[in-house]
Every structure is written in C-alpha cells, then in structure tokens.
Amino acid sequence: MSPTSGVKAGASGEEPTRRDFIHIFSASVAAIGTIGVLAPLVDQMNPDASVLALSTKEIDLSGLEVGQAIKVVWQGKPVFIRHRTAEEIKEAEETPLAALKDDEARNDNLSGKAADAEDKNRVINPAYLVVVGVCTHLGCVPLGTAQGEVRGDFGGWFCPCHGSHYDTAGRIRKGPAPENLAVPPYEFVTDTAIRIG
C-alpha cells in the first residue's frame, strides 16, 4: 500500500483534485443562481414611485394667518397645522405636566428619545403646531380646523364621537382618548414652508 493511499484529496499538502474543483464550482453556481432568483423578489417588495411620492408633502404656510388652522392629507391621514397665537403658545407652555392625561411627547422628530409632553417637545417652531389629526381613542377626526373655529374645553380640538378634548398643543386633556395627538416627522424647508415625511 502506498503511503498516500489513505489521504483524502484536498488535505493539507495535497493538490486539489478535479472533484474538489467540481464541488467548488457547483456551490458557486448555486449561490449565484440563488442570488439571481432572490434579488428580484426582494426588489419587488420595495414601494413604487407613486407611493414614494406620497411619502412626503410640502406645505406653504405663508398664507396661514395667526390663529388659523388648516387640514392637509399626508399618507392618507389628516394632519392639522395651526399657526398659534401668542396666548395659545403661552397657555401651552405654562400647562403643568400634572394636568395632562398623557405625559409623553409622541413626537417622531425626537428620533426615539423619550421626552415629556411639554410644549417645547411637541413643536419645532412654537408658532406652528403640526399634529396627525386622528383621535387616539377610536381613530375619528377631531373638529377644530375650520377658520376661527375653536372646539373643546381647552381651545384645541374636540372629538364629538366620544368627547375627547385636546389643547392647543394637541395634548389630550379630557375624555376617553389615552394618548396625545401624534406629531409626524416634519421639517422647515424655509421660514414659511414645511415638509412632512
């Protein structure tokens, strides 16, 4: 018996055999084929251009006078934008946390940081409040965005379905709603325009 007859091909000190090459080549072709099949399947799960176009929305605030509020639609949800008066800002800033039902900011702009519901943690510019206009109780749309319209006991919004009252910072103050109105991700692109999303 020769001294190398018990050694497998490809072991240390031996040259690779044709069988080793075939195994490596087959595995490589299988890996490339798998990637070729999976890549289009994963890519088709990405949103198309029409969905991406709806993911952001720019709003010009130059026509929004002090004391007015508007409702815009972003990703199929109403968003309330209110140009607050000095009195509304002062009232929102002076409201103690103990007076709030929900003491969390619920602001997507804070990038995961936990923050309390003080007014400064719910706005970027104190003059403009931007909140998702969906009641946190059962998903109704609260009232209070028509020109000159102030609803509820706290000067903000009122959900007539079950009687939830929100203040001028979009915080729940009275009624069955468990959470403050959410603040969507937004930024000021100019002094009088914002981009939501």
Protein backbone atom coordinates (compact mmCIF):
# COMPACT_ATOMS: atom_id res chain seq x y z
CA MET A 1 0.00 0.00 0.00
CA SER A 2 1.40 3.39 -0.95
CA PRO A 3 1.95 5.99 1.80
CA THR A 4 -0.59 8.43 0.25
CA SER A 5 -3.39 5.99 -0.39
CA GLY A 6 -5.13 6.78 2.93
CA VAL A 7 -5.04 10.56 2.47
CA LYS A 8 -8.13 12.30 1.07
CA ALA A 9 -7.76 14.66 -1.82
CA GLY A 10 -7.51 18.27 -0.81
CA ALA A 11 -5.99 17.52 2.59
CA SER A 12 -3.01 19.61 3.68
CA GLY A 13 -0.05 19.14 1.44
CA GLU A 14 -2.07 17.68 -1.46
CA GLU A 15 -3.02 19.33 -4.71
CA PRO A 16 -6.77 19.92 -5.28
CA THR A 17 -8.35 17.28 -7.44
CA ARG A 18 -10.83 17.61 -10.26
CA ARG A 19 -13.59 16.56 -7.85
CA ASP A 20 -12.71 19.46 -5.49
CA PHE A 21 -12.96 21.87 -8.40
CA ILE A 22 -16.36 20.50 -9.42
CA HIS A 23 -17.70 20.86 -5.85
CA ILE A 24 -16.48 24.45 -5.50
CA PHE A 25 -17.75 25.36 -8.98
CA SER A 26 -21.17 23.79 -8.30
CA ALA A 27 -21.53 25.62 -4.97
CA SER A 28 -20.57 28.92 -6.61
CA VAL A 29 -23.09 28.47 -9.42
CA ALA A 30 -25.80 27.56 -6.88
CA ALA A 31 -25.02 30.67 -4.78
CA ILE A 32 -25.09 32.95 -7.83
CA GLY A 33 -28.34 31.36 -9.01
CA THR A 34 -29.92 31.82 -5.58
CA ILE A 35 -28.93 35.50 -5.53
CA GLY A 36 -30.25 35.89 -9.08
CA VAL A 37 -33.63 34.49 -8.04
CA LEU A 38 -33.93 36.28 -4.68
CA ALA A 39 -32.79 39.76 -5.77
CA PRO A 40 -35.86 40.46 -7.99
CA LEU A 41 -38.18 39.00 -5.35
CA VAL A 42 -36.79 41.30 -2.66
CA ASP A 43 -36.71 44.28 -5.03
CA GLN A 44 -40.39 43.89 -5.95
CA MET A 45 -41.28 44.40 -2.28
CA ASN A 46 -39.95 47.99 -2.36
CA PRO A 47 -42.57 50.71 -2.77
CA ASP A 48 -43.05 52.03 -6.30
CA ALA A 49 -42.51 55.64 -7.35
CA SER A 50 -46.14 56.67 -6.79
CA VAL A 51 -46.01 55.51 -3.17
CA LEU A 52 -42.68 57.22 -2.58
CA ALA A 53 -44.11 60.43 -3.99
CA LEU A 54 -46.86 60.29 -1.37
CA SER A 55 -44.41 59.69 1.47
CA THR A 56 -43.55 63.38 1.73
CA LYS A 57 -45.62 66.51 1.34
CA GLU A 58 -44.56 70.15 1.23
CA ILE A 59 -46.91 72.79 2.59
CA ASP A 60 -46.59 76.54 2.14
CA LEU A 61 -47.52 78.27 5.40
CA SER A 62 -47.17 81.85 4.16
CA GLY A 63 -50.95 82.22 3.75
CA LEU A 64 -51.75 80.79 7.17
CA GLU A 65 -52.55 83.72 9.43
CA VAL A 66 -52.05 83.77 13.18
CA GLY A 67 -54.94 81.95 14.85
CA GLN A 68 -55.83 79.91 11.76
CA ALA A 69 -55.54 76.16 11.32
CA ILE A 70 -55.59 74.01 8.19
CA LYS A 71 -56.00 70.34 7.49
CA VAL A 72 -53.87 68.60 4.86
CA VAL A 73 -53.70 64.94 3.91
CA TRP A 74 -50.41 63.06 4.23
CA GLN A 75 -50.20 59.31 3.58
CA GLY A 76 -53.99 59.13 3.73
CA LYS A 77 -54.15 60.71 7.20
CA PRO A 78 -55.31 64.21 8.11
CA VAL A 79 -52.62 66.49 9.51
CA PHE A 80 -53.58 69.62 11.42
CA ILE A 81 -51.31 72.66 11.14
CA ARG A 82 -52.11 75.56 13.42
CA HIS A 83 -50.48 79.00 13.42
CA ARG A 84 -50.81 79.62 17.12
CA THR A 85 -51.40 82.95 18.77
CA ALA A 86 -49.10 84.25 21.50
CA GLU A 87 -51.81 83.41 24.05
CA GLU A 88 -52.10 79.82 22.78
CA ILE A 89 -48.34 79.37 22.95
CA LYS A 90 -48.18 80.82 26.47
CA GLU A 91 -51.05 78.63 27.66
CA ALA A 92 -49.46 75.51 26.16
CA GLU A 93 -46.05 76.30 27.68
CA GLU A 94 -47.47 77.03 31.13
CA THR A 95 -49.64 73.90 31.38
CA PRO A 96 -48.13 71.69 34.11
CA LEU A 97 -47.42 68.06 33.25
CA ALA A 98 -49.63 67.01 36.18
CA ALA A 99 -52.63 68.45 34.29
CA LEU A 100 -52.08 66.12 31.32
CA LYS A 101 -53.58 62.65 30.84
CA ASP A 102 -50.61 61.57 28.70
CA ASP A 103 -47.19 62.87 29.69
CA GLU A 104 -45.29 61.60 26.61
CA ALA A 105 -44.34 63.90 23.73
CA ARG A 106 -45.27 61.38 20.97
CA ASN A 107 -43.09 63.35 18.56
CA ASP A 108 -41.49 61.43 15.66
CA ASN A 109 -38.96 64.26 15.26
CA LEU A 110 -37.25 63.40 18.53
CA SER A 111 -35.74 60.27 16.89
CA GLY A 112 -36.56 57.72 19.56
CA LYS A 113 -35.65 59.84 22.57
CA ALA A 114 -38.15 59.65 25.38
CA ALA A 115 -39.47 63.10 26.19
CA ASP A 116 -42.30 64.50 28.26
CA ALA A 117 -45.27 66.29 26.75
CA GLU A 118 -44.08 69.81 27.45
CA ASP A 119 -44.95 72.11 24.57
CA LYS A 120 -41.27 72.57 23.61
CA ASN A 121 -41.02 68.81 22.93
CA ARG A 122 -44.02 68.84 20.57
CA VAL A 123 -43.07 71.69 18.24
CA ILE A 124 -40.07 72.73 16.17
CA ASN A 125 -41.18 76.34 15.86
CA PRO A 126 -43.53 77.38 18.70
CA ALA A 127 -45.65 79.43 16.30
CA TYR A 128 -46.70 76.34 14.31
CA LEU A 129 -48.19 73.17 15.73
CA VAL A 130 -48.21 70.15 13.39
CA VAL A 131 -50.11 67.02 14.53
CA VAL A 132 -51.73 63.98 12.95
CA GLY A 133 -55.46 64.67 13.16
CA VAL A 134 -56.58 61.22 14.25
CA CYS A 135 -58.18 60.81 17.67
CA THR A 136 -56.22 58.31 19.71
CA HIS A 137 -59.39 56.74 21.10
CA LEU A 138 -61.04 55.15 18.05
CA GLY A 139 -59.45 56.93 15.08
CA CYS A 140 -62.04 59.65 14.46
CA VAL A 141 -61.06 63.06 13.07
CA PRO A 142 -61.44 65.77 15.74
CA LEU A 143 -63.05 69.12 14.94
CA GLY A 144 -61.30 72.46 15.23
CA THR A 145 -59.53 73.30 11.98
CA ALA A 146 -62.13 75.50 10.28
CA GLN A 147 -61.31 79.20 10.13
CA GLY A 148 -61.89 80.81 13.50
CA GLU A 149 -63.22 77.53 14.90
CA VAL A 150 -62.10 76.53 18.37
CA ARG A 151 -63.50 73.35 19.77
CA GLY A 152 -63.39 71.69 23.14
CA ASP A 153 -62.76 72.93 26.64
CA PHE A 154 -59.05 73.68 26.09
CA GLY A 155 -59.06 75.72 22.87
CA GLY A 156 -57.68 72.98 20.64
CA TRP A 157 -59.67 70.14 19.09
CA PHE A 158 -62.75 68.22 20.10
CA CYS A 159 -63.70 64.71 19.01
CA PRO A 160 -67.51 64.61 19.07
CA CYS A 161 -67.75 60.83 18.81
CA HIS A 162 -66.81 60.16 22.42
CA GLY A 163 -65.95 63.60 23.84
CA SER A 164 -62.15 63.80 23.78
CA HIS A 165 -60.75 67.33 24.29
CA TYR A 166 -57.27 68.33 23.07
CA ASP A 167 -55.44 71.55 23.96
CA THR A 168 -53.54 73.99 21.72
CA ALA A 169 -50.51 71.66 21.77
CA GLY A 170 -52.58 68.64 20.62
CA ARG A 171 -52.40 67.01 24.07
CA ILE A 172 -55.33 65.02 25.41
CA ARG A 173 -56.83 66.81 28.40
CA LYS A 174 -60.27 65.28 28.88
CA GLY A 175 -62.25 62.32 27.57
CA PRO A 176 -61.53 58.67 26.75
CA ALA A 177 -58.57 59.16 24.36
CA PRO A 178 -55.49 57.63 26.00
CA GLU A 179 -52.72 59.48 24.12
CA ASN A 180 -51.78 62.89 22.75
CA LEU A 181 -52.17 63.53 19.03
CA ALA A 182 -49.02 62.27 17.33
CA VAL A 183 -46.52 64.70 15.83
CA PRO A 184 -45.47 63.47 12.37
CA PRO A 185 -41.90 63.70 11.11
CA TYR A 186 -41.54 67.15 9.54
CA GLU A 187 -39.00 69.89 8.96
CA PHE A 188 -38.98 73.53 7.95
CA VAL A 189 -37.55 73.84 4.43
CA THR A 190 -37.94 77.65 4.57
CA ASP A 191 -39.26 80.02 7.21
CA THR A 192 -42.78 79.60 5.79
CA ALA A 193 -42.80 76.07 4.36
CA ILE A 194 -42.60 72.61 5.88
CA ARG A 195 -42.02 69.14 4.51
CA ILE A 196 -43.93 66.34 6.23
CA GLY A 197 -42.44 62.87 5.96
